[in-house]
Structure formats: C-alpha cells, structure tokens
Amino acid sequence: NVFGVQTLTGSGSTGVISLTDTVTLLITTGGSQAFSLADGVEGQIKILSMKTDGGSGIVTPDNFVNGTQITFDDVQDTIVLMYQSTGWVVLARQNALVS
C-alpha cells in the first residue's frame, strides 16, 4: 500500500523528505541539490525516485547503514529503503548511486 506521495522540488536549501508519505518523487532544478532524510520507525519502508532531472539530487539520511548518501542523476533512478534500529537499509536500487 502507498500511504501518500510527496513531490519535492530542490532549491537553494536542503529539501526535507517526508516520513509520513511512503513515496517521495524528487525534482531537481539545477546543479547539485541536497535533500535530507530523518530516521524513521523500525520496519518503515521509504521509496525515493527522481521525477525530473535538472541536476543531481543528493539524499543524506541521518543514519544510513549502507553508506553516507544516495545520489540521483537521471529520471527514474529509484531506491527502496527500510528503517531498522541502526538506520536506513537499502532493499532495492535502480541506478541510484550509494556512497
């Protein structure tokens, strides 16, 4: 079930990804744009995907088991995450770069 879709457009400041919407679609409008992802609750699923490519979208989760950030460079770059007690864990990835 999808419990909401957030469309988030990058700007000069860090865009905050919603924890109450299951899906967040990222729109970048130029250059490299920053997005933040706070800690969720254990078992929470979060899907992030680039909807419009105006530049790179860089997501930095507060706690990320697989690295420190996720980079979206092209439309349909997608990642599925699950929150565990130690942080966000990658369940599936389509072209998004984990570093």
N, C-alpha and C. Protein backbone atom coordinates (compact mmCIF):
# COMPACT_ATOMS: atom_id res chain seq x y z
N ASN A 1 0.83 -1.19 0.00
CA ASN A 1 0.00 0.00 0.00
C ASN A 1 0.86 1.24 0.00
N VAL A 2 0.44 2.23 -0.76
CA VAL A 2 1.11 3.52 -0.76
C VAL A 2 0.29 4.45 0.13
N PHE A 3 0.95 5.04 1.10
CA PHE A 3 0.27 5.91 2.05
C PHE A 3 0.58 7.37 1.80
N GLY A 4 0.71 7.73 0.57
CA GLY A 4 0.94 9.11 0.20
C GLY A 4 2.17 9.26 -0.67
N VAL A 5 2.12 10.26 -1.55
CA VAL A 5 3.23 10.57 -2.43
C VAL A 5 3.57 12.04 -2.25
N GLN A 6 4.83 12.30 -1.94
CA GLN A 6 5.34 13.65 -1.82
C GLN A 6 6.13 13.96 -3.08
N THR A 7 5.88 15.13 -3.68
CA THR A 7 6.72 15.62 -4.77
C THR A 7 7.53 16.76 -4.19
N LEU A 8 8.85 16.60 -4.18
CA LEU A 8 9.74 17.55 -3.51
C LEU A 8 10.69 18.16 -4.52
N THR A 9 10.62 19.49 -4.65
CA THR A 9 11.47 20.21 -5.58
C THR A 9 12.67 20.79 -4.84
N GLY A 10 13.85 20.51 -5.36
CA GLY A 10 15.08 21.03 -4.77
C GLY A 10 15.18 22.53 -4.96
N SER A 11 15.91 23.15 -4.07
CA SER A 11 16.11 24.60 -4.13
C SER A 11 17.48 24.91 -3.56
N GLY A 12 17.70 26.15 -3.17
CA GLY A 12 18.98 26.55 -2.61
C GLY A 12 19.23 26.00 -1.22
N SER A 13 18.17 25.57 -0.52
CA SER A 13 18.34 25.00 0.81
C SER A 13 18.04 23.50 0.75
N THR A 14 18.35 22.80 1.82
CA THR A 14 18.14 21.35 1.86
C THR A 14 16.65 21.02 1.93
N GLY A 15 16.17 20.20 0.99
CA GLY A 15 14.78 19.76 0.99
C GLY A 15 14.60 18.63 1.99
N VAL A 16 13.53 18.70 2.76
CA VAL A 16 13.28 17.71 3.80
C VAL A 16 12.29 16.66 3.28
N ILE A 17 12.72 15.41 3.26
CA ILE A 17 11.90 14.31 2.78
C ILE A 17 10.91 13.90 3.86
N SER A 18 9.65 13.78 3.47
CA SER A 18 8.57 13.44 4.39
C SER A 18 8.69 12.00 4.88
N LEU A 19 8.45 11.81 6.17
CA LEU A 19 8.39 10.45 6.73
C LEU A 19 6.96 9.93 6.76
N THR A 20 5.98 10.79 6.51
CA THR A 20 4.59 10.35 6.55
C THR A 20 4.09 9.89 5.19
N ASP A 21 4.82 10.20 4.13
CA ASP A 21 4.49 9.71 2.79
C ASP A 21 5.42 8.56 2.46
N THR A 22 4.89 7.47 1.91
CA THR A 22 5.70 6.31 1.57
C THR A 22 6.64 6.61 0.41
N VAL A 23 6.17 7.39 -0.56
CA VAL A 23 6.93 7.67 -1.77
C VAL A 23 7.29 9.15 -1.82
N THR A 24 8.54 9.44 -2.17
CA THR A 24 8.95 10.83 -2.44
C THR A 24 9.55 10.87 -3.83
N LEU A 25 8.99 11.75 -4.67
CA LEU A 25 9.49 11.97 -6.02
C LEU A 25 10.31 13.25 -6.00
N LEU A 26 11.57 13.15 -6.43
CA LEU A 26 12.49 14.29 -6.38
C LEU A 26 12.52 15.02 -7.72
N ILE A 27 12.46 16.34 -7.64
CA ILE A 27 12.60 17.20 -8.81
C ILE A 27 13.79 18.12 -8.55
N THR A 28 14.79 18.06 -9.43
CA THR A 28 15.92 18.96 -9.31
C THR A 28 15.81 20.04 -10.37
N THR A 29 16.29 21.23 -10.03
CA THR A 29 16.12 22.37 -10.92
C THR A 29 17.44 23.00 -11.33
N GLY A 30 18.55 22.36 -10.99
CA GLY A 30 19.85 22.87 -11.43
C GLY A 30 20.95 22.52 -10.46
N GLY A 31 22.11 22.22 -11.03
CA GLY A 31 23.27 21.91 -10.20
C GLY A 31 23.06 20.67 -9.36
N SER A 32 23.69 20.67 -8.20
CA SER A 32 23.58 19.57 -7.25
C SER A 32 22.72 20.05 -6.09
N GLN A 33 21.62 19.36 -5.84
CA GLN A 33 20.68 19.80 -4.81
C GLN A 33 20.60 18.78 -3.69
N ALA A 34 20.52 19.29 -2.45
CA ALA A 34 20.57 18.45 -1.26
C ALA A 34 19.17 18.18 -0.71
N PHE A 35 19.00 16.94 -0.25
CA PHE A 35 17.78 16.51 0.41
C PHE A 35 18.18 15.75 1.67
N SER A 36 17.39 15.87 2.74
CA SER A 36 17.69 15.15 3.98
C SER A 36 16.58 14.15 4.29
N LEU A 37 16.98 13.04 4.93
CA LEU A 37 16.04 12.01 5.34
C LEU A 37 16.30 11.69 6.80
N ALA A 38 15.35 12.02 7.66
CA ALA A 38 15.47 11.75 9.09
C ALA A 38 15.28 10.26 9.37
N ASP A 39 15.60 9.85 10.59
CA ASP A 39 15.36 8.47 11.00
C ASP A 39 13.86 8.17 10.98
N GLY A 40 13.52 6.96 10.58
CA GLY A 40 12.13 6.53 10.57
C GLY A 40 11.82 5.71 11.82
N VAL A 41 10.83 4.85 11.69
CA VAL A 41 10.49 3.92 12.76
C VAL A 41 10.79 2.51 12.24
N GLU A 42 11.14 1.61 13.14
CA GLU A 42 11.55 0.27 12.73
C GLU A 42 10.50 -0.39 11.85
N GLY A 43 10.96 -0.90 10.70
CA GLY A 43 10.08 -1.55 9.74
C GLY A 43 9.49 -0.63 8.69
N GLN A 44 9.71 0.68 8.81
CA GLN A 44 9.17 1.65 7.86
C GLN A 44 9.85 1.49 6.50
N ILE A 45 9.03 1.55 5.44
CA ILE A 45 9.52 1.49 4.06
C ILE A 45 9.46 2.89 3.47
N LYS A 46 10.51 3.26 2.73
CA LYS A 46 10.56 4.55 2.06
C LYS A 46 11.06 4.34 0.64
N ILE A 47 10.34 4.89 -0.34
CA ILE A 47 10.71 4.79 -1.75
C ILE A 47 11.04 6.19 -2.24
N LEU A 48 12.24 6.35 -2.83
CA LEU A 48 12.67 7.63 -3.38
C LEU A 48 12.96 7.44 -4.86
N SER A 49 12.50 8.39 -5.68
CA SER A 49 12.73 8.28 -7.12
C SER A 49 12.86 9.67 -7.72
N MET A 50 13.74 9.82 -8.72
CA MET A 50 13.88 11.10 -9.40
C MET A 50 12.80 11.21 -10.48
N LYS A 51 11.99 12.26 -10.36
CA LYS A 51 10.89 12.50 -11.31
C LYS A 51 11.34 13.41 -12.44
N THR A 52 12.09 14.47 -12.11
CA THR A 52 12.55 15.44 -13.09
C THR A 52 14.02 15.74 -12.85
N ASP A 53 14.83 15.60 -13.90
CA ASP A 53 16.27 15.76 -13.79
C ASP A 53 16.70 17.13 -14.28
N GLY A 54 16.97 18.03 -13.31
CA GLY A 54 17.53 19.33 -13.64
C GLY A 54 18.95 19.43 -13.09
N GLY A 55 19.47 18.33 -12.58
CA GLY A 55 20.78 18.25 -11.93
C GLY A 55 20.75 17.11 -10.94
N SER A 56 21.86 16.87 -10.30
CA SER A 56 21.93 15.77 -9.33
C SER A 56 21.11 16.06 -8.08
N GLY A 57 20.51 15.02 -7.52
CA GLY A 57 19.83 15.11 -6.23
C GLY A 57 20.58 14.23 -5.25
N ILE A 58 21.04 14.82 -4.15
CA ILE A 58 21.83 14.07 -3.17
C ILE A 58 21.06 13.98 -1.87
N VAL A 59 20.71 12.75 -1.49
CA VAL A 59 19.95 12.49 -0.26
C VAL A 59 20.93 12.03 0.81
N THR A 60 20.89 12.70 1.96
CA THR A 60 21.73 12.32 3.09
C THR A 60 20.83 11.90 4.25
N PRO A 61 20.73 10.58 4.49
CA PRO A 61 19.96 10.11 5.64
C PRO A 61 20.71 10.41 6.95
N ASP A 62 19.97 10.64 8.03
CA ASP A 62 20.60 10.84 9.33
C ASP A 62 21.45 9.63 9.71
N ASN A 63 20.91 8.44 9.53
CA ASN A 63 21.64 7.19 9.78
C ASN A 63 21.40 6.27 8.60
N PHE A 64 22.50 5.88 7.92
CA PHE A 64 22.41 5.09 6.70
C PHE A 64 23.39 3.93 6.82
N VAL A 65 22.88 2.72 6.89
CA VAL A 65 23.70 1.54 7.10
C VAL A 65 24.65 1.27 5.93
N ASN A 66 24.23 1.59 4.70
CA ASN A 66 24.99 1.25 3.51
C ASN A 66 25.99 2.30 3.06
N GLY A 67 26.08 3.41 3.74
CA GLY A 67 27.00 4.47 3.33
C GLY A 67 26.64 5.78 4.01
N THR A 68 26.84 6.89 3.28
CA THR A 68 26.52 8.20 3.85
C THR A 68 25.52 8.98 3.02
N GLN A 69 25.41 8.66 1.71
CA GLN A 69 24.47 9.39 0.87
C GLN A 69 24.02 8.58 -0.33
N ILE A 70 22.94 9.07 -0.96
CA ILE A 70 22.39 8.45 -2.16
C ILE A 70 22.30 9.54 -3.22
N THR A 71 22.83 9.28 -4.41
CA THR A 71 22.82 10.27 -5.48
C THR A 71 21.90 9.82 -6.61
N PHE A 72 21.03 10.72 -7.03
CA PHE A 72 20.11 10.50 -8.14
C PHE A 72 20.54 11.41 -9.28
N ASP A 73 20.88 10.83 -10.45
CA ASP A 73 21.36 11.62 -11.59
C ASP A 73 20.41 11.65 -12.77
N ASP A 74 19.50 10.69 -12.85
CA ASP A 74 18.62 10.59 -14.02
C ASP A 74 17.19 10.26 -13.60
N VAL A 75 16.26 10.64 -14.45
CA VAL A 75 14.85 10.30 -14.23
C VAL A 75 14.73 8.80 -14.05
N GLN A 76 13.93 8.40 -13.10
CA GLN A 76 13.63 7.02 -12.73
C GLN A 76 14.74 6.33 -11.93
N ASP A 77 15.81 7.05 -11.56
CA ASP A 77 16.73 6.50 -10.56
C ASP A 77 15.89 6.32 -9.30
N THR A 78 15.90 5.14 -8.72
CA THR A 78 15.00 4.82 -7.62
C THR A 78 15.71 3.98 -6.57
N ILE A 79 15.31 4.16 -5.30
CA ILE A 79 15.83 3.33 -4.23
C ILE A 79 14.69 3.03 -3.26
N VAL A 80 14.69 1.81 -2.73
CA VAL A 80 13.72 1.39 -1.72
C VAL A 80 14.50 1.12 -0.44
N LEU A 81 14.09 1.77 0.63
CA LEU A 81 14.77 1.66 1.91
C LEU A 81 13.83 1.11 2.98
N MET A 82 14.41 0.47 3.98
CA MET A 82 13.66 0.07 5.17
C MET A 82 14.44 0.56 6.38
N TYR A 83 13.71 1.09 7.37
CA TYR A 83 14.38 1.56 8.57
C TYR A 83 14.48 0.43 9.59
N GLN A 84 15.68 0.20 10.07
CA GLN A 84 15.92 -0.76 11.15
C GLN A 84 16.47 0.02 12.34
N SER A 85 16.70 -0.63 13.44
CA SER A 85 17.11 0.06 14.66
C SER A 85 18.40 0.85 14.51
N THR A 86 19.25 0.48 13.55
CA THR A 86 20.52 1.17 13.36
C THR A 86 20.51 2.18 12.22
N GLY A 87 19.43 2.26 11.45
CA GLY A 87 19.35 3.22 10.35
C GLY A 87 18.65 2.66 9.13
N TRP A 88 18.67 3.45 8.05
CA TRP A 88 18.05 3.06 6.79
C TRP A 88 18.93 2.02 6.09
N VAL A 89 18.28 0.97 5.54
CA VAL A 89 18.96 -0.12 4.84
C VAL A 89 18.38 -0.20 3.42
N VAL A 90 19.24 -0.38 2.42
CA VAL A 90 18.80 -0.49 1.03
C VAL A 90 18.19 -1.87 0.80
N LEU A 91 16.94 -1.89 0.29
CA LEU A 91 16.29 -3.14 -0.09
C LEU A 91 16.40 -3.36 -1.61
N ALA A 92 16.31 -2.28 -2.38
CA ALA A 92 16.38 -2.37 -3.84
C ALA A 92 16.88 -1.03 -4.38
N ARG A 93 17.56 -1.11 -5.54
CA ARG A 93 18.14 0.10 -6.12
C ARG A 93 18.09 0.01 -7.63
N GLN A 94 17.65 1.08 -8.28
CA GLN A 94 17.63 1.17 -9.75
C GLN A 94 18.45 2.40 -10.15
N ASN A 95 19.72 2.20 -10.42
CA ASN A 95 20.65 3.21 -10.93
C ASN A 95 21.03 4.33 -9.95
N ALA A 96 20.37 4.49 -8.85
CA ALA A 96 20.81 5.48 -7.86
C ALA A 96 22.14 5.02 -7.29
N LEU A 97 23.03 5.97 -7.01
CA LEU A 97 24.36 5.64 -6.52
C LEU A 97 24.42 5.75 -5.01
N VAL A 98 24.86 4.68 -4.35
CA VAL A 98 25.02 4.66 -2.90
C VAL A 98 26.51 4.84 -2.61
N SER A 99 26.82 5.81 -1.79
CA SER A 99 28.23 6.03 -1.43
C SER A 99 28.36 6.42 0.02
